[in-house]
């Protein structure tokens, strides 16, 4: 299925566990993902994992990552 083809999907807390699984599935189904978390190294690992899934699956999806702590006003901007 390609339920998310051509759509942008923002997934917060998406660097591990259920959030990562959801982001990975959306990418498999053609979504253009934005993953975010508080720590850049976690974001980088998630982007790598999802990129590998996209390549192995042949999906039209894509992924970028952003470190953001929503508890900090300057980072929300």
Protein backbone atom coordinates (compact mmCIF):
# COMPACT_ATOMS: atom_id res chain seq x y z
CA UNK A 1 0.00 0.00 0.00
CA UNK A 2 1.01 3.60 -0.52
CA UNK A 3 -1.32 5.37 1.91
CA UNK A 4 1.19 8.16 2.57
CA UNK A 5 2.60 8.66 -0.94
CA UNK A 6 3.06 12.36 -1.62
CA UNK A 7 2.27 13.33 1.96
CA UNK A 8 4.52 14.92 4.57
CA UNK A 9 4.46 13.11 7.92
CA UNK A 10 5.83 14.70 11.09
CA UNK A 11 6.43 12.08 13.77
CA UNK A 12 7.53 13.28 17.20
CA UNK A 13 9.41 11.03 19.63
CA UNK A 14 10.21 8.89 16.61
CA UNK A 15 13.74 7.72 17.30
CA UNK A 16 12.89 4.51 19.19
CA UNK A 17 10.12 2.11 20.06
CA UNK A 18 6.61 2.66 18.76
CA UNK A 19 7.40 6.10 17.33
CA UNK A 20 10.22 4.70 15.20
CA UNK A 21 8.05 1.79 14.06
CA UNK A 22 5.29 4.20 13.00
CA UNK A 23 7.73 6.45 11.13
CA UNK A 24 9.35 3.45 9.44
CA UNK A 25 5.96 2.15 8.27
CA UNK A 26 4.91 5.56 6.95
CA UNK A 27 8.13 5.71 4.92
CA UNK A 28 7.49 2.21 3.58
CA UNK A 29 4.13 3.48 2.39
CA UNK A 30 5.62 6.43 0.50
CA UNK A 31 5.52 9.18 3.14
CA UNK A 32 8.02 12.01 3.31
CA UNK A 33 9.03 11.82 6.96
CA UNK A 34 10.29 14.40 9.40
CA UNK A 35 11.49 12.63 12.54
CA UNK A 36 12.35 14.52 15.66
CA UNK A 37 13.60 13.97 19.16
CA UNK A 38 15.55 15.88 21.80
CA UNK A 39 18.97 14.38 20.98
CA UNK A 40 20.67 14.78 17.60
CA UNK A 41 22.48 11.42 17.76
CA UNK A 42 19.13 9.65 18.24
CA UNK A 43 17.69 11.57 15.28
CA UNK A 44 20.68 10.59 13.13
CA UNK A 45 20.27 6.90 14.04
CA UNK A 46 16.55 6.98 13.22
CA UNK A 47 17.17 8.68 9.86
CA UNK A 48 19.74 6.01 9.01
CA UNK A 49 17.35 3.18 9.96
CA UNK A 50 14.46 4.63 7.96
CA UNK A 51 16.68 5.41 4.97
CA UNK A 52 17.79 1.77 4.91
CA UNK A 53 14.15 0.66 4.97
CA UNK A 54 13.27 2.98 2.08
CA UNK A 55 16.17 1.66 0.00
CA UNK A 56 15.43 -2.01 0.68
CA UNK A 57 11.69 -1.57 0.13
CA UNK A 58 11.93 0.53 -3.06
CA UNK A 59 9.53 3.05 -1.54
CA UNK A 60 9.05 6.56 -2.86
CA UNK A 61 9.35 7.83 0.71
CA UNK A 62 12.05 10.06 2.13
CA UNK A 63 13.24 11.10 5.58
CA UNK A 64 14.89 14.07 7.27
CA UNK A 65 15.57 14.57 10.96
CA UNK A 66 15.42 17.44 13.41
CA UNK A 67 16.54 17.66 17.02
CA UNK A 68 14.03 19.67 19.04
CA UNK A 69 13.14 19.89 22.72
CA UNK A 70 9.61 21.32 22.75
CA UNK A 71 10.14 22.32 26.39
CA UNK A 72 12.56 25.02 25.23
CA UNK A 73 10.91 28.06 23.62
CA UNK A 74 13.99 28.87 21.52
CA UNK A 75 13.96 25.40 19.96
CA UNK A 76 10.25 25.55 19.15
CA UNK A 77 10.88 28.56 16.94
